[in-house]
N, C-alpha and C. Protein backbone atom coordinates (compact mmCIF):
# COMPACT_ATOMS: atom_id res chain seq x y z
N LEU A 1 20.56 73.99 -29.78
CA LEU A 1 20.72 75.36 -29.85
C LEU A 1 21.29 76.30 -29.26
N SER A 2 22.23 76.61 -28.90
CA SER A 2 23.13 77.15 -27.97
C SER A 2 22.26 78.46 -28.19
N SER A 3 22.40 79.21 -26.36
CA SER A 3 21.96 80.78 -26.66
C SER A 3 23.12 81.78 -26.95
N ASN A 4 24.20 81.12 -27.35
CA ASN A 4 25.40 82.37 -27.75
C ASN A 4 25.49 82.75 -29.14
N ARG A 5 24.11 82.04 -29.62
CA ARG A 5 23.78 82.84 -30.90
C ARG A 5 23.40 83.70 -31.39
N SER A 6 23.50 84.80 -32.30
CA SER A 6 22.57 85.38 -32.24
C SER A 6 21.29 85.19 -33.12
N PRO A 7 19.49 86.46 -32.69
CA PRO A 7 19.05 85.61 -33.38
C PRO A 7 18.54 85.48 -34.57
N VAL A 8 18.81 86.47 -35.86
CA VAL A 8 19.56 86.27 -37.15
C VAL A 8 19.93 84.80 -37.24
N GLU A 9 21.02 84.65 -36.61
CA GLU A 9 21.71 82.82 -36.31
C GLU A 9 20.84 81.72 -36.65
N GLN A 10 19.68 81.86 -35.10
CA GLN A 10 19.48 81.38 -35.08
C GLN A 10 17.94 80.61 -35.63
N ILE A 11 17.24 81.42 -36.09
CA ILE A 11 16.82 81.64 -37.42
C ILE A 11 17.25 80.87 -38.39
N LYS A 12 17.96 81.38 -38.89
CA LYS A 12 18.90 80.12 -40.40
C LYS A 12 18.94 79.07 -40.05
N VAL A 13 19.84 78.31 -38.23
CA VAL A 13 19.43 77.00 -38.08
C VAL A 13 17.97 76.34 -38.19
N MET A 14 17.07 77.05 -37.57
CA MET A 14 15.72 76.29 -37.74
C MET A 14 15.06 76.41 -39.36
N GLU A 15 15.81 77.28 -39.87
CA GLU A 15 14.92 77.09 -41.35
C GLU A 15 15.56 75.86 -41.93
N ILE A 16 17.02 75.92 -41.95
CA ILE A 16 18.15 74.77 -42.54
C ILE A 16 17.28 73.34 -41.45
N TYR A 17 16.96 73.10 -40.44
CA TYR A 17 16.61 72.19 -40.16
C TYR A 17 15.38 71.48 -40.77
N HIS A 18 14.37 72.00 -40.71
CA HIS A 18 13.20 72.38 -40.93
C HIS A 18 13.73 71.88 -41.94
N ARG A 19 14.21 72.35 -43.51
CA ARG A 19 14.06 71.59 -44.41
C ARG A 19 14.80 70.29 -44.23
N ILE A 20 15.27 70.07 -43.46
CA ILE A 20 16.44 68.75 -43.25
C ILE A 20 15.03 68.04 -43.03
N THR A 21 14.24 67.95 -42.02
CA THR A 21 13.80 67.39 -41.77
C THR A 21 12.17 66.76 -42.70
N SER A 22 11.88 67.93 -42.98
CA SER A 22 10.20 68.19 -43.96
C SER A 22 11.22 67.06 -45.57
N HIS A 23 12.51 67.88 -45.64
CA HIS A 23 12.87 66.56 -46.94
C HIS A 23 13.22 65.72 -46.09
N GLN A 24 13.14 64.93 -45.03
CA GLN A 24 13.16 63.70 -44.69
C GLN A 24 12.27 62.40 -44.42
N GLN A 25 11.33 64.06 -44.35
CA GLN A 25 9.71 63.80 -44.35
C GLN A 25 8.84 62.72 -45.74
N GLN A 26 9.44 63.25 -46.28
CA GLN A 26 8.41 63.57 -48.29
C GLN A 26 9.08 62.03 -48.37
N HIS A 27 11.16 62.09 -48.09
CA HIS A 27 11.52 61.07 -48.51
C HIS A 27 11.16 59.48 -48.71
N ARG A 28 10.82 59.57 -46.24
CA ARG A 28 10.68 58.68 -46.40
C ARG A 28 9.60 57.86 -46.86
N ARG A 29 8.23 59.24 -46.69
CA ARG A 29 6.66 58.42 -46.85
C ARG A 29 6.39 59.44 -48.32
N PRO A 30 6.24 59.24 -49.39
CA PRO A 30 5.80 59.86 -50.35
C PRO A 30 4.75 59.82 -50.94
N THR A 31 4.04 59.09 -50.10
CA THR A 31 2.61 59.55 -50.11
C THR A 31 1.94 59.58 -49.52
N SER A 32 3.22 60.38 -47.92
CA SER A 32 1.96 61.12 -47.27
C SER A 32 1.01 62.43 -47.69
N LYS A 33 1.64 63.26 -48.14
CA LYS A 33 1.18 63.71 -49.01
C LYS A 33 -0.16 63.92 -50.13
N GLN A 34 -0.25 62.06 -51.43
CA GLN A 34 -1.55 62.26 -51.65
C GLN A 34 -2.41 62.04 -50.98
N SER A 35 -1.69 60.93 -49.87
CA SER A 35 -3.78 60.81 -48.37
C SER A 35 -3.74 61.27 -48.08
N GLU A 36 -3.41 63.30 -47.98
CA GLU A 36 -4.15 64.20 -47.73
C GLU A 36 -4.70 64.69 -48.60
């Protein structure tokens, strides 16, 4: 993340990044939710 961006853009980037990473984790380990 670059400090050139506005706070709103940073938030959007973080939301997208979080969705991607969480989606990848679900894809890799679909049984993680069941074990929890």
